[in-house]
Amino acid sequence: MAIFITDECINCGACEPECPNNAIYEGGVEWRISDGTDVSGSYVLEDGSKVDASDENDPVEEDFYYIVPDKCTECVGFHEEPQCAAVCPVDCCLPDPDREESDEKLLERKAALHL
């Protein structure tokens, strides 16, 4: 399951540098699959749509930090626990109950992002 940031976020930014996939962005900032990954060219998102890895995509959230679900691996394959949750001072980085994913799926995503 991907992690999401709740609206309790205080915009401290502690989570952003901890993400090994560069999946965390400041509110209102556009995101790219290529940011912090080895991906170039065409990439298929979880919803089946295709994007160019270097294309800017609309922010997931405007007012506070957010996590791009298509880039989140819950730190599986990197760390024992999600690093965003470990450093968040207000405990607003939580598992997304709408996006339950197996470790196998998260490892597949990690492999796709880090060729």
PDB file of N, CA and C in Angstrom:
ATOM      1  N   MET A   1       0.846  -1.179   0.000  1.00  0.00           N
ATOM      2  CA  MET A   1       0.000   0.000   0.000  1.00  0.00           C
ATOM      3  C   MET A   1       0.881   1.228   0.000  1.00  0.00           C
ATOM      4  N   ALA A   2       0.496   2.199  -0.721  1.00  0.00           N
ATOM      5  CA  ALA A   2       1.252   3.451  -0.747  1.00  0.00           C
ATOM      6  C   ALA A   2       0.993   4.224   0.540  1.00  0.00           C
ATOM      7  N   ILE A   3       1.889   5.122   0.824  1.00  0.00           N
ATOM      8  CA  ILE A   3       1.731   6.012   1.972  1.00  0.00           C
ATOM      9  C   ILE A   3       1.108   7.310   1.446  1.00  0.00           C
ATOM     10  N   PHE A   4       0.293   7.944   2.276  1.00  0.00           N
ATOM     11  CA  PHE A   4      -0.219   9.258   1.899  1.00  0.00           C
ATOM     12  C   PHE A   4      -0.009  10.206   3.066  1.00  0.00           C
ATOM     13  N   ILE A   5      -0.040  11.486   2.761  1.00  0.00           N
ATOM     14  CA  ILE A   5       0.151  12.515   3.778  1.00  0.00           C
ATOM     15  C   ILE A   5      -1.200  13.164   4.037  1.00  0.00           C
ATOM     16  N   THR A   6      -1.595  13.191   5.294  1.00  0.00           N
ATOM     17  CA  THR A   6      -2.901  13.746   5.657  1.00  0.00           C
ATOM     18  C   THR A   6      -2.846  15.278   5.676  1.00  0.00           C
ATOM     19  N   ASP A   7      -4.011  15.879   5.787  1.00  0.00           N
ATOM     20  CA  ASP A   7      -4.079  17.349   5.832  1.00  0.00           C
ATOM     21  C   ASP A   7      -3.616  17.907   7.179  1.00  0.00           C
ATOM     22  N   GLU A   8      -3.139  17.031   8.061  1.00  0.00           N
ATOM     23  CA  GLU A   8      -2.535  17.474   9.323  1.00  0.00           C
ATOM     24  C   GLU A   8      -1.095  17.944   9.103  1.00  0.00           C
ATOM     25  N   CYS A   9      -0.580  17.779   7.890  1.00  0.00           N
ATOM     26  CA  CYS A   9       0.794  18.137   7.543  1.00  0.00           C
ATOM     27  C   CYS A   9       1.063  19.603   7.893  1.00  0.00           C
ATOM     28  N   ILE A  10       2.218  19.836   8.525  1.00  0.00           N
ATOM     29  CA  ILE A  10       2.595  21.201   8.904  1.00  0.00           C
ATOM     30  C   ILE A  10       3.613  21.796   7.912  1.00  0.00           C
ATOM     31  N   ASN A  11       3.827  21.105   6.783  1.00  0.00           N
ATOM     32  CA  ASN A  11       4.739  21.570   5.737  1.00  0.00           C
ATOM     33  C   ASN A  11       6.163  21.799   6.231  1.00  0.00           C
ATOM     34  N   CYS A  12       6.628  20.931   7.122  1.00  0.00           N
ATOM     35  CA  CYS A  12       7.992  21.071   7.630  1.00  0.00           C
ATOM     36  C   CYS A  12       9.028  20.587   6.624  1.00  0.00           C
ATOM     37  N   GLY A  13       8.635  19.667   5.725  1.00  0.00           N
ATOM     38  CA  GLY A  13       9.548  19.174   4.706  1.00  0.00           C
ATOM     39  C   GLY A  13      10.508  18.093   5.166  1.00  0.00           C
ATOM     40  N   ALA A  14      10.379  17.610   6.377  1.00  0.00           N
ATOM     41  CA  ALA A  14      11.297  16.584   6.884  1.00  0.00           C
ATOM     42  C   ALA A  14      11.240  15.296   6.071  1.00  0.00           C
ATOM     43  N   CYS A  15      10.094  14.993   5.523  1.00  0.00           N
ATOM     44  CA  CYS A  15       9.898  13.742   4.786  1.00  0.00           C
ATOM     45  C   CYS A  15      10.558  13.732   3.415  1.00  0.00           C
ATOM     46  N   GLU A  16      10.544  14.853   2.733  1.00  0.00           N
ATOM     47  CA  GLU A  16      10.959  14.911   1.329  1.00  0.00           C
ATOM     48  C   GLU A  16      12.356  14.342   1.073  1.00  0.00           C
ATOM     49  N   PRO A  17      13.386  14.751   1.804  1.00  0.00           N
ATOM     50  CA  PRO A  17      14.726  14.224   1.497  1.00  0.00           C
ATOM     51  C   PRO A  17      14.923  12.765   1.907  1.00  0.00           C
ATOM     52  N   GLU A  18      14.020  12.227   2.692  1.00  0.00           N
ATOM     53  CA  GLU A  18      14.151  10.850   3.163  1.00  0.00           C
ATOM     54  C   GLU A  18      13.670   9.820   2.153  1.00  0.00           C
ATOM     55  N   CYS A  19      12.902  10.225   1.160  1.00  0.00           N
ATOM     56  CA  CYS A  19      12.290   9.294   0.219  1.00  0.00           C
ATOM     57  C   CYS A  19      13.296   8.798  -0.812  1.00  0.00           C
ATOM     58  N   PRO A  20      13.549   7.479  -0.874  1.00  0.00           N
ATOM     59  CA  PRO A  20      14.514   6.956  -1.836  1.00  0.00           C
ATOM     60  C   PRO A  20      14.015   6.986  -3.281  1.00  0.00           C
ATOM     61  N   ASN A  21      12.729   7.242  -3.475  1.00  0.00           N
ATOM     62  CA  ASN A  21      12.145   7.281  -4.815  1.00  0.00           C
ATOM     63  C   ASN A  21      11.817   8.689  -5.279  1.00  0.00           C
ATOM     64  N   ASN A  22      12.110   9.671  -4.443  1.00  0.00           N
ATOM     65  CA  ASN A  22      11.747  11.054  -4.743  1.00  0.00           C
ATOM     66  C   ASN A  22      10.261  11.147  -5.076  1.00  0.00           C
ATOM     67  N   ALA A  23       9.447  10.488  -4.258  1.00  0.00           N
ATOM     68  CA  ALA A  23       7.996  10.449  -4.466  1.00  0.00           C
ATOM     69  C   ALA A  23       7.263  11.535  -3.698  1.00  0.00           C
ATOM     70  N   ILE A  24       7.983  12.307  -2.898  1.00  0.00           N
ATOM     71  CA  ILE A  24       7.348  13.319  -2.050  1.00  0.00           C
ATOM     72  C   ILE A  24       7.651  14.709  -2.604  1.00  0.00           C
ATOM     73  N   TYR A  25       6.588  15.496  -2.726  1.00  0.00           N
ATOM     74  CA  TYR A  25       6.705  16.838  -3.294  1.00  0.00           C
ATOM     75  C   TYR A  25       5.992  17.848  -2.402  1.00  0.00           C
ATOM     76  N   GLU A  26       6.473  19.073  -2.446  1.00  0.00           N
ATOM     77  CA  GLU A  26       5.811  20.167  -1.745  1.00  0.00           C
ATOM     78  C   GLU A  26       4.489  20.460  -2.432  1.00  0.00           C
ATOM     79  N   GLY A  27       3.490  20.817  -1.661  1.00  0.00           N
ATOM     80  CA  GLY A  27       2.185  21.132  -2.211  1.00  0.00           C
ATOM     81  C   GLY A  27       2.274  22.139  -3.341  1.00  0.00           C
ATOM     82  N   GLY A  28       1.527  21.874  -4.418  1.00  0.00           N
ATOM     83  CA  GLY A  28       1.491  22.780  -5.557  1.00  0.00           C
ATOM     84  C   GLY A  28       2.601  22.570  -6.570  1.00  0.00           C
ATOM     85  N   VAL A  29       3.569  21.730  -6.264  1.00  0.00           N
ATOM     86  CA  VAL A  29       4.698  21.494  -7.168  1.00  0.00           C
ATOM     87  C   VAL A  29       4.372  20.335  -8.110  1.00  0.00           C
ATOM     88  N   GLU A  30       4.645  20.546  -9.394  1.00  0.00           N
ATOM     89  CA  GLU A  30       4.424  19.481 -10.371  1.00  0.00           C
ATOM     90  C   GLU A  30       5.461  18.377 -10.160  1.00  0.00           C
ATOM     91  N   TRP A  31       5.086  17.150 -10.528  1.00  0.00           N
ATOM     92  CA  TRP A  31       5.976  16.008 -10.335  1.00  0.00           C
ATOM     93  C   TRP A  31       6.272  15.309 -11.657  1.00  0.00           C
ATOM     94  N   ARG A  32       7.413  14.596 -11.682  1.00  0.00           N
ATOM     95  CA  ARG A  32       7.829  13.814 -12.843  1.00  0.00           C
ATOM     96  C   ARG A  32       8.268  12.424 -12.376  1.00  0.00           C
ATOM     97  N   ILE A  33       7.982  11.429 -13.173  1.00  0.00           N
ATOM     98  CA  ILE A  33       8.464  10.079 -12.875  1.00  0.00           C
ATOM     99  C   ILE A  33       9.986  10.069 -12.834  1.00  0.00           C
ATOM    100  N   SER A  34      10.629  10.839 -13.692  1.00  0.00           N
ATOM    101  CA  SER A  34      12.090  10.834 -13.792  1.00  0.00           C
ATOM    102  C   SER A  34      12.792  11.450 -12.583  1.00  0.00           C
ATOM    103  N   ASP A  35      12.091  12.250 -11.787  1.00  0.00           N
ATOM    104  CA  ASP A  35      12.719  12.880 -10.622  1.00  0.00           C
ATOM    105  C   ASP A  35      13.242  11.814  -9.660  1.00  0.00           C
ATOM    106  N   GLY A  36      14.549  11.759  -9.500  1.00  0.00           N
ATOM    107  CA  GLY A  36      15.153  10.846  -8.541  1.00  0.00           C
ATOM    108  C   GLY A  36      15.111   9.379  -8.925  1.00  0.00           C
ATOM    109  N   THR A  37      14.790   9.078 -10.182  1.00  0.00           N
ATOM    110  CA  THR A  37      14.749   7.691 -10.639  1.00  0.00           C
ATOM    111  C   THR A  37      15.637   7.537 -11.863  1.00  0.00           C
ATOM    112  N   ASP A  38      15.723   6.309 -12.362  1.00  0.00           N
ATOM    113  CA  ASP A  38      16.503   6.035 -13.564  1.00  0.00           C
ATOM    114  C   ASP A  38      15.621   5.928 -14.806  1.00  0.00           C
ATOM    115  N   VAL A  39      14.367   6.301 -14.688  1.00  0.00           N
ATOM    116  CA  VAL A  39      13.410   6.125 -15.769  1.00  0.00           C
ATOM    117  C   VAL A  39      13.543   7.245 -16.801  1.00  0.00           C
ATOM    118  N   SER A  40      13.484   6.850 -18.074  1.00  0.00           N
ATOM    119  CA  SER A  40      13.414   7.816 -19.164  1.00  0.00           C
ATOM    120  C   SER A  40      12.463   7.245 -20.203  1.00  0.00           C
ATOM    121  N   GLY A  41      11.970   8.108 -21.068  1.00  0.00           N
ATOM    122  CA  GLY A  41      11.032   7.651 -22.092  1.00  0.00           C
ATOM    123  C   GLY A  41       9.656   7.388 -21.522  1.00  0.00           C
ATOM    124  N   SER A  42       8.929   6.494 -22.158  1.00  0.00           N
ATOM    125  CA  SER A  42       7.546   6.202 -21.789  1.00  0.00           C
ATOM    126  C   SER A  42       7.470   5.366 -20.513  1.00  0.00           C
ATOM    127  N   TYR A  43       6.493   5.688 -19.664  1.00  0.00           N
ATOM    128  CA  TYR A  43       6.285   4.962 -18.410  1.00  0.00           C
ATOM    129  C   TYR A  43       4.788   4.775 -18.226  1.00  0.00           C
ATOM    130  N   VAL A  44       4.374   3.587 -17.825  1.00  0.00           N
ATOM    131  CA  VAL A  44       2.959   3.296 -17.619  1.00  0.00           C
ATOM    132  C   VAL A  44       2.629   3.463 -16.135  1.00  0.00           C
ATOM    133  N   LEU A  45       1.682   4.357 -15.851  1.00  0.00           N
ATOM    134  CA  LEU A  45       1.231   4.582 -14.481  1.00  0.00           C
ATOM    135  C   LEU A  45       0.306   3.460 -14.036  1.00  0.00           C
ATOM    136  N   GLU A  46       0.049   3.385 -12.748  1.00  0.00           N
ATOM    137  CA  GLU A  46      -0.795   2.331 -12.186  1.00  0.00           C
ATOM    138  C   GLU A  46      -2.194   2.295 -12.791  1.00  0.00           C
ATOM    139  N   ASP A  47      -2.698   3.435 -13.236  1.00  0.00           N
ATOM    140  CA  ASP A  47      -4.042   3.473 -13.827  1.00  0.00           C
ATOM    141  C   ASP A  47      -4.046   3.054 -15.302  1.00  0.00           C
ATOM    142  N   GLY A  48      -2.856   2.691 -15.823  1.00  0.00           N
ATOM    143  CA  GLY A  48      -2.744   2.243 -17.199  1.00  0.00           C
ATOM    144  C   GLY A  48      -2.396   3.339 -18.188  1.00  0.00           C
ATOM    145  N   SER A  49      -2.433   4.578 -17.765  1.00  0.00           N
ATOM    146  CA  SER A  49      -2.093   5.672 -18.671  1.00  0.00           C
ATOM    147  C   SER A  49      -0.578   5.741 -18.864  1.00  0.00           C
ATOM    148  N   LYS A  50      -0.175   6.227 -20.027  1.00  0.00           N
ATOM    149  CA  LYS A  50       1.244   6.363 -20.351  1.00  0.00           C
ATOM    150  C   LYS A  50       1.649   7.823 -20.261  1.00  0.00           C
ATOM    151  N   VAL A  51       2.814   8.046 -19.690  1.00  0.00           N
ATOM    152  CA  VAL A  51       3.380   9.391 -19.623  1.00  0.00           C
ATOM    153  C   VAL A  51       4.836   9.315 -20.049  1.00  0.00           C
ATOM    154  N   ASP A  52       5.365  10.417 -20.474  1.00  0.00           N
ATOM    155  CA  ASP A  52       6.806  10.482 -20.678  1.00  0.00           C
ATOM    156  C   ASP A  52       7.403  10.767 -19.308  1.00  0.00           C
ATOM    157  N   ALA A  53       8.449  10.061 -18.950  1.00  0.00           N
ATOM    158  CA  ALA A  53       9.034  10.182 -17.618  1.00  0.00           C
ATOM    159  C   ALA A  53       9.448  11.609 -17.277  1.00  0.00           C
ATOM    160  N   SER A  54       9.786  12.399 -18.282  1.00  0.00           N
ATOM    161  CA  SER A  54      10.221  13.772 -18.019  1.00  0.00           C
ATOM    162  C   SER A  54       9.088  14.792 -18.052  1.00  0.00           C
ATOM    163  N   ASP A  55       7.872  14.345 -18.382  1.00  0.00           N
ATOM    164  CA  ASP A  55       6.726  15.258 -18.397  1.00  0.00           C
ATOM    165  C   ASP A  55       6.345  15.686 -16.989  1.00  0.00           C
ATOM    166  N   GLU A  56       5.970  16.963 -16.857  1.00  0.00           N
ATOM    167  CA  GLU A  56       5.466  17.446 -15.580  1.00  0.00           C
ATOM    168  C   GLU A  56       4.000  17.050 -15.453  1.00  0.00           C
ATOM    169  N   ASN A  57       3.641  16.551 -14.284  1.00  0.00           N
ATOM    170  CA  ASN A  57       2.263  16.149 -13.993  1.00  0.00           C
ATOM    171  C   ASN A  57       1.686  17.074 -12.934  1.00  0.00           C
ATOM    172  N   ASP A  58       0.371  17.221 -12.966  1.00  0.00           N
ATOM    173  CA  ASP A  58      -0.293  18.097 -12.000  1.00  0.00           C
ATOM    174  C   ASP A  58      -0.028  17.647 -10.568  1.00  0.00           C
ATOM    175  N   PRO A  59       0.094  18.597  -9.656  1.00  0.00           N
ATOM    176  CA  PRO A  59       0.286  18.237  -8.249  1.00  0.00           C
ATOM    177  C   PRO A  59      -0.877  17.391  -7.734  1.00  0.00           C
ATOM    178  N   VAL A  60      -0.571  16.465  -6.854  1.00  0.00           N
ATOM    179  CA  VAL A  60      -1.599  15.649  -6.213  1.00  0.00           C
ATOM    180  C   VAL A  60      -2.328  16.484  -5.174  1.00  0.00           C
ATOM    181  N   GLU A  61      -1.619  17.421  -4.570  1.00  0.00           N
ATOM    182  CA  GLU A  61      -2.171  18.272  -3.514  1.00  0.00           C
ATOM    183  C   GLU A  61      -1.607  19.678  -3.690  1.00  0.00           C
ATOM    184  N   GLU A  62      -2.405  20.673  -3.419  1.00  0.00           N
ATOM    185  CA  GLU A  62      -1.978  22.060  -3.565  1.00  0.00           C
ATOM    186  C   GLU A  62      -1.452  22.684  -2.274  1.00  0.00           C
ATOM    187  N   ASP A  63      -1.987  22.273  -1.129  1.00  0.00           N
ATOM    188  CA  ASP A  63      -1.741  23.002   0.112  1.00  0.00           C
ATOM    189  C   ASP A  63      -0.696  22.412   1.043  1.00  0.00           C
ATOM    190  N   PHE A  64      -0.350  21.140   0.881  1.00  0.00           N
ATOM    191  CA  PHE A  64       0.641  20.526   1.759  1.00  0.00           C
ATOM    192  C   PHE A  64       1.393  19.443   1.001  1.00  0.00           C
ATOM    193  N   TYR A  65       2.487  18.987   1.593  1.00  0.00           N
ATOM    194  CA  TYR A  65       3.306  17.956   0.948  1.00  0.00           C
ATOM    195  C   TYR A  65       2.442  16.757   0.568  1.00  0.00           C
ATOM    196  N   TYR A  66       2.839  16.086  -0.504  1.00  0.00           N
ATOM    197  CA  TYR A  66       2.093  14.913  -0.955  1.00  0.00           C
ATOM    198  C   TYR A  66       3.054  13.852  -1.480  1.00  0.00           C
ATOM    199  N   ILE A  67       2.552  12.635  -1.564  1.00  0.00           N
ATOM    200  CA  ILE A  67       3.307  11.499  -2.078  1.00  0.00           C
ATOM    201  C   ILE A  67       2.650  11.034  -3.377  1.00  0.00           C
ATOM    202  N   VAL A  68       3.446  10.854  -4.422  1.00  0.00           N
ATOM    203  CA  VAL A  68       2.949  10.337  -5.691  1.00  0.00           C
ATOM    204  C   VAL A  68       2.828   8.819  -5.541  1.00  0.00           C
ATOM    205  N   PRO A  69       1.611   8.279  -5.535  1.00  0.00           N
ATOM    206  CA  PRO A  69       1.443   6.838  -5.335  1.00  0.00           C
ATOM    207  C   PRO A  69       2.192   5.987  -6.356  1.00  0.00           C
ATOM    208  N   ASP A  70       2.306   6.458  -7.586  1.00  0.00           N
ATOM    209  CA  ASP A  70       3.003   5.700  -8.626  1.00  0.00           C
ATOM    210  C   ASP A  70       4.507   5.604  -8.386  1.00  0.00           C
ATOM    211  N   LYS A  71       5.026   6.362  -7.439  1.00  0.00           N
ATOM    212  CA  LYS A  71       6.454   6.313  -7.129  1.00  0.00           C
ATOM    213  C   LYS A  71       6.729   5.757  -5.736  1.00  0.00           C
ATOM    214  N   CYS A  72       5.700   5.596  -4.918  1.00  0.00           N
ATOM    215  CA  CYS A  72       5.883   5.145  -3.537  1.00  0.00           C
ATOM    216  C   CYS A  72       6.037   3.630  -3.473  1.00  0.00           C
ATOM    217  N   THR A  73       7.091   3.190  -2.790  1.00  0.00           N
ATOM    218  CA  THR A  73       7.312   1.760  -2.551  1.00  0.00           C
ATOM    219  C   THR A  73       7.293   1.446  -1.058  1.00  0.00           C
ATOM    220  N   GLU A  74       6.832   2.392  -0.250  1.00  0.00           N
ATOM    221  CA  GLU A  74       6.856   2.259   1.208  1.00  0.00           C
ATOM    222  C   GLU A  74       8.257   1.946   1.717  1.00  0.00           C
ATOM    223  N   CYS A  75       9.258   2.309   0.941  1.00  0.00           N
ATOM    224  CA  CYS A  75      10.670   2.068   1.237  1.00  0.00           C
ATOM    225  C   CYS A  75      11.042   0.581   1.218  1.00  0.00           C
ATOM    226  N   VAL A  76      10.138  -0.280   0.727  1.00  0.00           N
ATOM    227  CA  VAL A  76      10.440  -1.707   0.601  1.00  0.00           C
ATOM    228  C   VAL A  76      11.633  -1.856  -0.341  1.00  0.00           C
ATOM    229  N   GLY A  77      12.597  -2.642   0.089  1.00  0.00           N
ATOM    230  CA  GLY A  77      13.816  -2.827  -0.690  1.00  0.00           C
ATOM    231  C   GLY A  77      14.892  -1.812  -0.365  1.00  0.00           C
ATOM    232  N   PHE A  78      14.553  -0.814   0.423  1.00  0.00           N
ATOM    233  CA  PHE A  78      15.504   0.205   0.846  1.00  0.00           C
ATOM    234  C   PHE A  78      15.686   0.220   2.363  1.00  0.00           C
ATOM    235  N   HIS A  79      14.575   0.246   3.086  1.00  0.00           N
ATOM    236  CA  HIS A  79      14.596   0.386   4.540  1.00  0.00           C
ATOM    237  C   HIS A  79      13.565  -0.551   5.171  1.00  0.00           C
ATOM    238  N   GLU A  80      13.661  -0.726   6.458  1.00  0.00           N
ATOM    239  CA  GLU A  80      12.738  -1.597   7.192  1.00  0.00           C
ATOM    240  C   GLU A  80      11.351  -0.987   7.371  1.00  0.00           C
ATOM    241  N   GLU A  81      11.273   0.346   7.294  1.00  0.00           N
ATOM    242  CA  GLU A  81      10.000   1.041   7.467  1.00  0.00           C
ATOM    243  C   GLU A  81       9.980   2.277   6.570  1.00  0.00           C
ATOM    244  N   PRO A  82       8.791   2.774   6.260  1.00  0.00           N
ATOM    245  CA  PRO A  82       8.715   4.006   5.462  1.00  0.00           C
ATOM    246  C   PRO A  82       9.408   5.155   6.184  1.00  0.00           C
ATOM    247  N   GLN A  83      10.387   5.722   5.527  1.00  0.00           N
ATOM    248  CA  GLN A  83      11.177   6.770   6.160  1.00  0.00           C
ATOM    249  C   GLN A  83      10.406   8.064   6.374  1.00  0.00           C
ATOM    250  N   CYS A  84       9.443   8.355   5.513  1.00  0.00           N
ATOM    251  CA  CYS A  84       8.636   9.567   5.705  1.00  0.00           C
ATOM    252  C   CYS A  84       7.890   9.497   7.040  1.00  0.00           C
ATOM    253  N   ALA A  85       7.317   8.330   7.324  1.00  0.00           N
ATOM    254  CA  ALA A  85       6.580   8.145   8.577  1.00  0.00           C
ATOM    255  C   ALA A  85       7.530   8.196   9.774  1.00  0.00           C
ATOM    256  N   ALA A  86       8.732   7.660   9.595  1.00  0.00           N
ATOM    257  CA  ALA A  86       9.696   7.625  10.697  1.00  0.00           C
ATOM    258  C   ALA A  86      10.138   9.020  11.129  1.00  0.00           C
ATOM    259  N   VAL A  87      10.215   9.967  10.179  1.00  0.00           N
ATOM    260  CA  VAL A  87      10.711  11.302  10.523  1.00  0.00           C
ATOM    261  C   VAL A  87       9.612  12.336  10.716  1.00  0.00           C
ATOM    262  N   CYS A  88       8.380  12.013  10.391  1.00  0.00           N
ATOM    263  CA  CYS A  88       7.300  12.996  10.479  1.00  0.00           C
ATOM    264  C   CYS A  88       7.019  13.373  11.934  1.00  0.00           C
ATOM    265  N   PRO A  89       7.139  14.664  12.261  1.00  0.00           N
ATOM    266  CA  PRO A  89       6.926  15.077  13.651  1.00  0.00           C
ATOM    267  C   PRO A  89       5.461  15.089  14.093  1.00  0.00           C
ATOM    268  N   VAL A  90       4.538  15.021  13.138  1.00  0.00           N
ATOM    269  CA  VAL A  90       3.118  15.056  13.506  1.00  0.00           C
ATOM    270  C   VAL A  90       2.377  13.778  13.081  1.00  0.00           C
ATOM    271  N   ASP A  91       3.119  12.757  12.704  1.00  0.00           N
ATOM    272  CA  ASP A  91       2.541  11.450  12.354  1.00  0.00           C
ATOM    273  C   ASP A  91       1.432  11.552  11.304  1.00  0.00           C
ATOM    274  N   CYS A  92       1.706  12.277  10.226  1.00  0.00           N
ATOM    275  CA  CYS A  92       0.684  12.413   9.187  1.00  0.00           C
ATOM    276  C   CYS A  92       0.999  11.612   7.923  1.00  0.00           C
ATOM    277  N   CYS A  93       2.061  10.806   7.944  1.00  0.00           N
ATOM    278  CA  CYS A  93       2.387   9.914   6.828  1.00  0.00           C
ATOM    279  C   CYS A  93       1.850   8.533   7.191  1.00  0.00           C
ATOM    280  N   LEU A  94       0.750   8.171   6.555  1.00  0.00           N
ATOM    281  CA  LEU A  94       0.028   6.956   6.936  1.00  0.00           C
ATOM    282  C   LEU A  94      -0.170   6.015   5.753  1.00  0.00           C
ATOM    283  N   PRO A  95      -0.346   4.723   6.027  1.00  0.00           N
ATOM    284  CA  PRO A  95      -0.682   3.789   4.949  1.00  0.00           C
ATOM    285  C   PRO A  95      -2.033   4.164   4.345  1.00  0.00           C
ATOM    286  N   ASP A  96      -2.110   4.136   3.025  1.00  0.00           N
ATOM    287  CA  ASP A  96      -3.345   4.468   2.322  1.00  0.00           C
ATOM    288  C   ASP A  96      -4.219   3.228   2.234  1.00  0.00           C
ATOM    289  N   PRO A  97      -5.328   3.179   2.956  1.00  0.00           N
ATOM    290  CA  PRO A  97      -6.181   1.987   2.946  1.00  0.00           C
ATOM    291  C   PRO A  97      -6.817   1.709   1.589  1.00  0.00           C
ATOM    292  N   ASP A  98      -6.822   2.693   0.702  1.00  0.00           N
ATOM    293  CA  ASP A  98      -7.383   2.514  -0.636  1.00  0.00           C
ATOM    294  C   ASP A  98      -6.364   1.971  -1.632  1.00  0.00           C
ATOM    295  N   ARG A  99      -5.113   1.797  -1.195  1.00  0.00           N
ATOM    296  CA  ARG A  99      -4.054   1.336  -2.098  1.00  0.00           C
ATOM    297  C   ARG A  99      -3.233   0.230  -1.451  1.00  0.00           C
ATOM    298  N   GLU A 100      -3.869  -0.841  -1.043  1.00  0.00           N
ATOM    299  CA  GLU A 100      -3.139  -1.958  -0.452  1.00  0.00           C
ATOM    300  C   GLU A 100      -2.351  -2.682  -1.537  1.00  0.00           C
ATOM    301  N   GLU A 101      -1.052  -2.865  -1.304  1.00  0.00           N
ATOM    302  CA  GLU A 101      -0.179  -3.517  -2.268  1.00  0.00           C
ATOM    303  C   GLU A 101       0.754  -4.471  -1.536  1.00  0.00           C
ATOM    304  N   SER A 102       1.057  -5.582  -2.172  1.00  0.00           N
ATOM    305  CA  SER A 102       1.950  -6.582  -1.574  1.00  0.00           C
ATOM    306  C   SER A 102       3.396  -6.101  -1.665  1.00  0.00           C
ATOM    307  N   ASP A 103       4.260  -6.709  -0.849  1.00  0.00           N
ATOM    308  CA  ASP A 103       5.680  -6.405  -0.942  1.00  0.00           C
ATOM    309  C   ASP A 103       6.196  -6.731  -2.340  1.00  0.00           C
ATOM    310  N   GLU A 104       5.669  -7.785  -2.940  1.00  0.00           N
ATOM    311  CA  GLU A 104       6.072  -8.158  -4.299  1.00  0.00           C
ATOM    312  C   GLU A 104       5.775  -7.024  -5.276  1.00  0.00           C
ATOM    313  N   LYS A 105       4.594  -6.457  -5.191  1.00  0.00           N
ATOM    314  CA  LYS A 105       4.203  -5.347  -6.063  1.00  0.00           C
ATOM    315  C   LYS A 105       5.097  -4.128  -5.818  1.00  0.00           C
ATOM    316  N   LEU A 106       5.383  -3.844  -4.556  1.00  0.00           N
ATOM    317  CA  LEU A 106       6.230  -2.701  -4.221  1.00  0.00           C
ATOM    318  C   LEU A 106       7.653  -2.910  -4.730  1.00  0.00           C
ATOM    319  N   LEU A 107       8.153  -4.138  -4.656  1.00  0.00           N
ATOM    320  CA  LEU A 107       9.483  -4.442  -5.186  1.00  0.00           C
ATOM    321  C   LEU A 107       9.514  -4.338  -6.710  1.00  0.00           C
ATOM    322  N   GLU A 108       8.405  -4.716  -7.368  1.00  0.00           N
ATOM    323  CA  GLU A 108       8.313  -4.553  -8.823  1.00  0.00           C
ATOM    324  C   GLU A 108       8.385  -3.072  -9.189  1.00  0.00           C
ATOM    325  N   ARG A 109       7.686  -2.243  -8.425  1.00  0.00           N
ATOM    326  CA  ARG A 109       7.717  -0.802  -8.685  1.00  0.00           C
ATOM    327  C   ARG A 109       9.126  -0.254  -8.472  1.00  0.00           C
ATOM    328  N   LYS A 110       9.762  -0.702  -7.396  1.00  0.00           N
ATOM    329  CA  LYS A 110      11.152  -0.272  -7.128  1.00  0.00           C
ATOM    330  C   LYS A 110      12.039  -0.621  -8.309  1.00  0.00           C
ATOM    331  N   ALA A 111      11.914  -1.839  -8.827  1.00  0.00           N
ATOM    332  CA  ALA A 111      12.737  -2.273  -9.964  1.00  0.00           C
ATOM    333  C   ALA A 111      12.445  -1.439 -11.211  1.00  0.00           C
ATOM    334  N   ALA A 112      11.185  -1.060 -11.407  1.00  0.00           N
ATOM    335  CA  ALA A 112      10.813  -0.260 -12.581  1.00  0.00           C
ATOM    336  C   ALA A 112      11.358   1.159 -12.478  1.00  0.00           C
ATOM    337  N   LEU A 113      11.426   1.682 -11.270  1.00  0.00           N
ATOM    338  CA  LEU A 113      11.899   3.051 -11.066  1.00  0.00           C
ATOM    339  C   LEU A 113      13.418   3.156 -11.033  1.00  0.00           C
ATOM    340  N   HIS A 114      14.072   2.097 -10.619  1.00  0.00           N
ATOM    341  CA  HIS A 114      15.534   2.099 -10.460  1.00  0.00           C
ATOM    342  C   HIS A 114      16.122   0.989 -11.299  1.00  0.00           C
ATOM    343  N   LEU A 115      16.186   1.217 -12.598  1.00  0.00           N
ATOM    344  CA  LEU A 115      16.642   0.228 -13.580  1.00  0.00           C
ATOM    345  C   LEU A 115      18.052  -0.257 -13.302  1.00  0.00           C
TER     346      LEU A 115
END
